[in-house]
Protein backbone atom coordinates (compact mmCIF):
# COMPACT_ATOMS: atom_id res chain seq x y z
CA MET A 1 -50.86 16.45 -193.13
CA THR A 2 -51.94 14.00 -195.90
CA PHE A 3 -55.18 14.69 -197.63
CA ASN A 4 -56.85 11.29 -198.10
CA VAL A 5 -59.86 12.69 -199.96
CA ALA A 6 -60.96 12.71 -203.52
CA ALA A 7 -59.45 15.43 -205.73
CA GLU A 8 -62.87 16.57 -206.64
CA SER A 9 -63.65 17.31 -203.02
CA TYR A 10 -60.54 19.36 -202.68
CA ASP A 11 -61.48 21.26 -205.84
CA ARG A 12 -64.77 22.12 -204.41
CA PHE A 13 -63.28 23.15 -201.06
CA MET A 14 -60.16 25.00 -201.97
CA GLY A 15 -59.74 24.87 -205.77
CA ALA A 16 -61.57 28.13 -206.52
CA TRP A 17 -59.20 29.88 -204.13
CA SER A 18 -55.95 28.21 -205.15
CA ARG A 19 -56.40 28.55 -208.93
CA PRO A 20 -56.27 32.37 -208.98
CA LEU A 21 -53.48 32.23 -206.40
CA ALA A 22 -51.24 30.16 -208.65
CA PRO A 23 -50.30 32.87 -211.28
CA GLN A 24 -49.45 35.27 -208.50
CA LEU A 25 -47.01 32.79 -206.87
CA ALA A 26 -45.55 31.99 -210.30
CA ASP A 27 -45.04 35.65 -211.01
CA LEU A 28 -43.35 36.08 -207.65
CA ALA A 29 -40.94 33.29 -208.55
CA GLY A 30 -40.35 34.69 -212.00
CA ILE A 31 -41.34 31.53 -213.77
CA GLU A 32 -40.93 31.74 -217.54
CA ALA A 33 -40.32 29.63 -220.60
CA GLY A 34 -37.08 27.70 -220.61
CA GLN A 35 -36.96 26.91 -216.93
CA ARG A 36 -37.36 23.60 -215.21
CA VAL A 37 -39.56 23.79 -212.16
CA ILE A 38 -41.04 21.61 -209.35
CA ASP A 39 -44.44 21.98 -207.63
CA VAL A 40 -43.96 20.72 -204.07
CA GLY A 41 -47.20 19.58 -202.45
CA CYS A 42 -49.01 19.87 -205.78
CA GLY A 43 -52.39 18.55 -204.62
CA PRO A 44 -54.71 17.89 -207.62
CA GLY A 45 -52.60 20.38 -209.56
CA SER A 46 -53.79 24.01 -209.40
CA LEU A 47 -50.27 25.40 -209.46
CA THR A 48 -49.09 22.60 -211.74
CA THR A 49 -51.54 23.80 -214.38
CA GLU A 50 -50.07 27.32 -214.27
CA LEU A 51 -46.53 26.02 -214.45
CA VAL A 52 -47.27 23.83 -217.44
CA GLU A 53 -48.80 26.80 -219.25
CA ARG A 54 -45.60 28.81 -218.67
CA VAL A 55 -42.83 26.22 -219.27
CA GLY A 56 -44.48 23.10 -220.83
CA ALA A 57 -45.36 19.77 -219.23
CA ALA A 58 -41.90 18.18 -219.88
CA ALA A 59 -40.25 20.90 -217.80
CA VAL A 60 -42.50 20.44 -214.73
CA SER A 61 -42.22 17.97 -211.91
CA ALA A 62 -44.59 17.62 -209.03
CA VAL A 63 -44.89 15.74 -205.67
CA ASP A 64 -47.59 15.14 -203.16
CA PRO A 65 -47.96 12.62 -200.25
CA SER A 66 -51.66 12.04 -201.09
CA GLU A 67 -52.19 9.16 -203.48
CA PRO A 68 -55.60 10.39 -204.72
CA PHE A 69 -54.05 13.82 -205.49
CA VAL A 70 -51.08 12.25 -207.29
CA GLU A 71 -53.43 10.18 -209.47
CA ALA A 72 -55.57 13.27 -210.23
CA ALA A 73 -52.52 15.35 -211.08
CA ARG A 74 -51.15 12.74 -213.38
CA GLY A 75 -54.48 12.43 -215.24
CA ARG A 76 -54.82 16.20 -215.52
CA HIS A 77 -51.26 16.91 -216.66
CA PRO A 78 -49.93 14.31 -219.11
CA GLY A 79 -46.19 14.64 -219.55
CA VAL A 80 -45.61 16.01 -216.09
CA ASP A 81 -43.40 13.95 -213.77
CA VAL A 82 -45.76 13.56 -210.76
CA ARG A 83 -44.50 11.41 -207.87
CA ASN A 84 -45.88 10.32 -204.53
CA ALA A 85 -43.46 11.89 -202.03
CA THR A 86 -43.17 14.31 -199.14
CA ALA A 87 -41.60 17.73 -199.14
CA GLU A 88 -39.11 16.49 -196.51
CA ALA A 89 -37.72 13.78 -198.79
CA LEU A 90 -37.85 14.95 -202.46
CA PRO A 91 -36.84 12.18 -204.92
CA TYR A 92 -34.62 14.38 -206.98
CA SER A 93 -30.90 15.15 -207.25
CA ASP A 94 -29.26 18.34 -206.12
CA GLY A 95 -29.73 21.37 -208.26
CA MET A 96 -32.11 19.83 -210.82
CA PHE A 97 -34.48 22.72 -210.98
CA ASP A 98 -34.49 26.41 -211.79
CA ALA A 99 -37.23 27.00 -209.28
CA ALA A 100 -39.09 25.13 -206.52
CA LEU A 101 -42.57 26.35 -205.52
CA ALA A 102 -44.92 25.34 -202.67
CA GLN A 103 -48.47 26.72 -202.74
CA LEU A 104 -50.55 26.36 -199.51
CA VAL A 105 -48.19 23.64 -198.38
CA VAL A 106 -45.65 24.77 -195.87
CA HIS A 107 -48.13 24.85 -192.96
CA PHE A 108 -48.86 21.24 -193.55
CA MET A 109 -45.22 20.05 -193.76
CA ALA A 110 -44.32 17.74 -190.85
CA ASP A 111 -40.96 19.62 -190.68
CA PRO A 112 -41.10 22.94 -192.54
CA VAL A 113 -37.44 23.77 -192.19
CA ARG A 114 -36.52 20.36 -193.60
CA GLY A 115 -39.11 20.67 -196.34
CA ILE A 116 -37.90 24.10 -197.49
CA GLY A 117 -34.34 22.91 -197.09
CA GLU A 118 -35.21 20.10 -199.54
CA MET A 119 -36.64 22.66 -201.97
CA ARG A 120 -33.40 24.62 -201.68
CA ARG A 121 -31.34 21.44 -202.26
CA VAL A 122 -33.01 20.49 -205.50
CA THR A 123 -32.77 24.09 -206.89
CA ARG A 124 -29.63 25.12 -208.76
CA PRO A 125 -27.38 27.96 -207.52
CA GLY A 126 -29.00 31.23 -208.54
CA GLY A 127 -32.43 29.53 -208.80
CA VAL A 128 -35.57 30.52 -206.85
CA VAL A 129 -37.53 28.96 -203.95
CA ALA A 130 -40.95 30.41 -203.35
CA ALA A 131 -43.94 29.61 -201.17
CA CYS A 132 -47.29 31.02 -199.88
CA VAL A 133 -49.58 30.23 -196.98
CA TRP A 134 -52.98 31.68 -196.03
CA ASP A 135 -53.01 34.28 -193.25
CA HIS A 136 -54.82 32.01 -190.78
CA ALA A 137 -53.01 33.70 -187.81
CA GLY A 138 -54.28 37.07 -188.82
CA SER A 139 -57.79 35.88 -189.64
CA ARG A 140 -57.65 37.03 -193.25
CA GLY A 141 -57.49 33.61 -194.84
CA PRO A 142 -60.46 32.18 -196.73
CA LEU A 143 -61.50 29.99 -193.79
CA ALA A 144 -61.61 32.87 -191.27
CA PRO A 145 -65.47 33.05 -190.95
CA PHE A 146 -65.54 29.28 -190.31
CA TRP A 147 -62.86 29.24 -187.71
CA ALA A 148 -64.32 32.20 -185.90
CA ALA A 149 -67.63 30.36 -185.63
CA ALA A 150 -65.88 27.14 -184.63
CA ARG A 151 -64.18 28.91 -181.66
CA THR A 152 -67.70 29.62 -180.27
CA ILE A 153 -68.37 25.90 -180.39
CA ASP A 154 -64.94 24.86 -179.08
CA PRO A 155 -62.68 27.64 -177.76
CA GLY A 156 -59.70 25.35 -177.90
CA VAL A 157 -60.17 24.20 -181.49
CA ASP A 158 -56.94 23.97 -183.58
CA ASP A 159 -57.81 26.69 -186.03
CA GLU A 160 -54.63 26.53 -188.12
CA SER A 161 -53.41 29.83 -186.69
CA GLN A 162 -50.37 28.28 -185.04
CA LEU A 163 -49.12 26.41 -188.13
CA ALA A 164 -45.94 27.41 -189.88
CA GLY A 165 -46.10 30.37 -192.28
CA THR A 166 -49.55 31.45 -191.25
CA ARG A 167 -48.35 34.67 -189.53
CA GLU A 168 -46.73 37.73 -191.14
CA GLY A 169 -42.95 37.31 -191.57
CA HIS A 170 -42.77 33.62 -190.65
CA LEU A 171 -42.18 32.32 -194.14
CA ALA A 172 -39.21 34.65 -194.46
CA GLU A 173 -37.87 33.34 -191.18
CA LEU A 174 -38.10 29.82 -192.49
CA PHE A 175 -36.32 30.75 -195.63
CA ALA A 176 -33.54 32.39 -193.64
CA ALA A 177 -33.26 29.20 -191.52
CA VAL A 178 -32.20 27.26 -194.64
CA ARG A 179 -29.81 30.01 -195.77
CA LEU A 180 -31.69 31.31 -198.79
CA ASP A 181 -30.41 34.64 -200.12
CA ASP A 182 -32.19 37.82 -201.23
CA ILE A 183 -35.35 36.82 -199.37
CA ARG A 184 -38.42 38.99 -200.17
CA ALA A 185 -41.83 38.76 -198.53
CA ALA A 186 -45.02 39.57 -200.33
CA GLU A 187 -48.82 39.57 -199.92
CA LEU A 188 -51.09 37.80 -202.38
CA THR A 189 -54.82 38.31 -202.40
CA VAL A 190 -57.76 36.40 -203.94
CA ARG A 191 -61.40 37.51 -204.11
CA ARG A 192 -64.05 34.88 -204.48
CA GLU A 193 -67.86 35.32 -205.05
CA TYR A 194 -70.56 33.07 -203.66
CA PRO A 195 -74.11 32.94 -204.93
CA SER A 196 -75.46 31.89 -201.58
CA PHE A 197 -74.55 30.76 -197.97
CA ASP A 198 -75.28 27.16 -199.03
CA ALA A 199 -72.59 27.42 -201.82
CA TRP A 200 -70.06 28.68 -199.20
CA TRP A 201 -71.05 26.02 -196.59
CA GLU A 202 -71.35 22.82 -198.66
CA PRO A 203 -67.61 22.28 -199.37
CA PHE A 204 -66.90 22.27 -195.55
CA THR A 205 -69.15 19.13 -195.29
CA LEU A 206 -66.79 17.18 -197.57
CA GLY A 207 -64.30 16.66 -194.71
CA VAL A 208 -61.37 18.22 -196.49
CA GLY A 209 -58.39 19.61 -194.44
CA PRO A 210 -58.52 20.59 -190.79
CA ALA A 211 -61.71 22.60 -191.12
CA GLY A 212 -63.69 19.85 -192.89
CA HIS A 213 -62.24 17.28 -190.46
CA PHE A 214 -63.36 19.36 -187.50
CA LEU A 215 -66.85 19.78 -188.89
CA VAL A 216 -67.56 16.11 -189.74
CA GLY A 217 -66.19 15.11 -186.36
CA LEU A 218 -68.83 17.03 -184.47
CA PRO A 219 -72.18 15.53 -183.36
CA ARG A 220 -74.88 16.48 -185.76
CA SER A 221 -76.45 19.00 -183.24
CA LYS A 222 -73.13 20.82 -182.97
CA GLN A 223 -72.79 20.77 -186.74
CA ALA A 224 -76.12 22.49 -186.94
CA ASP A 225 -74.99 25.06 -184.28
CA LEU A 226 -71.86 25.76 -186.24
CA ARG A 227 -73.77 26.16 -189.47
CA ALA A 228 -76.22 28.54 -187.83
CA GLN A 229 -73.28 30.63 -186.33
CA CYS A 230 -71.61 30.87 -189.66
CA GLU A 231 -74.86 31.87 -191.44
CA ALA A 232 -75.45 34.58 -188.80
CA THR A 233 -72.06 36.20 -189.51
CA LEU A 234 -72.12 36.15 -193.33
CA PRO A 235 -74.19 38.35 -195.57
CA GLU A 236 -77.53 37.25 -196.91
CA GLY A 237 -77.83 36.37 -200.56
CA SER A 238 -74.75 36.56 -202.75
CA PHE A 239 -71.50 37.81 -201.28
CA ALA A 240 -67.76 37.99 -201.80
CA LEU A 241 -64.83 37.25 -199.63
CA THR A 242 -61.25 38.41 -200.03
CA ALA A 243 -58.48 36.27 -198.56
CA LEU A 244 -54.78 37.16 -198.04
CA ALA A 245 -51.80 34.77 -198.35
CA TRP A 246 -48.35 35.48 -197.00
CA ALA A 247 -45.63 34.71 -199.57
CA ALA A 248 -41.85 34.68 -199.74
CA ARG A 249 -39.16 34.03 -202.32
CA GLY A 250 -35.38 33.51 -201.97
CA THR A 251 -32.51 32.54 -204.14
CA VAL A 252 -30.09 29.76 -203.72
CA GLY A 253 -26.46 30.72 -203.16
CA GLY A 254 -23.43 28.78 -204.29
CA ALA A 255 -22.57 27.31 -200.95
CA GLY A 256 -24.24 24.20 -199.58
CA LEU A 257 -26.02 23.83 -196.26
CA GLY A 258 -23.31 21.79 -194.61
């Protein structure tokens, strides 16, 4: 899926969730000074920021298929090699990086096995591939209250629960499919506070991602019904939500995929 929305809209929708997730994924991958790394599906650059802080801009590359996101990432991270490309066709030579990371991206890849295979290809032998995806299948992702309410409006709605990596163990299965070694699964959690229901609801109206696209595609009366259903299920006043992301890391062996 390509996000053809302004970077600022994505920041308001998912940025406050993805920023605290980034150091956890970088820790899982063991990112440290002296490494050369790539952020696959970088978006506006939440994970890119974390990688730059750890290894320096000159040692970071990033790709995303969304032109607005690429433009934003370039502006926010001078010195980083940011390119407009998909995970399935990374514009880099074999073994260029010490680590390849994908934060909240695998479930949007057109071909997850090919995309992770590309991450493996551009990572040197002994290097690390790591990724994480929200637990949409287990209803513990940050969008769970929205999708639960959406199913009351449209029981057949595509609520992201069937996408790659959104169920426990699936990322590890995908890593095994591209013959990564020493595969380890992990759980990452993020807690976010909201001052009000309106602060939680407003980002959905920006049309970002499957949830936002579903909302803005509804007739106004149905949008109002969905809002009311969400408001009825969330606490009054300020509240906090905790989200879980499935994660996996693996290492690249010396043999190729052929």
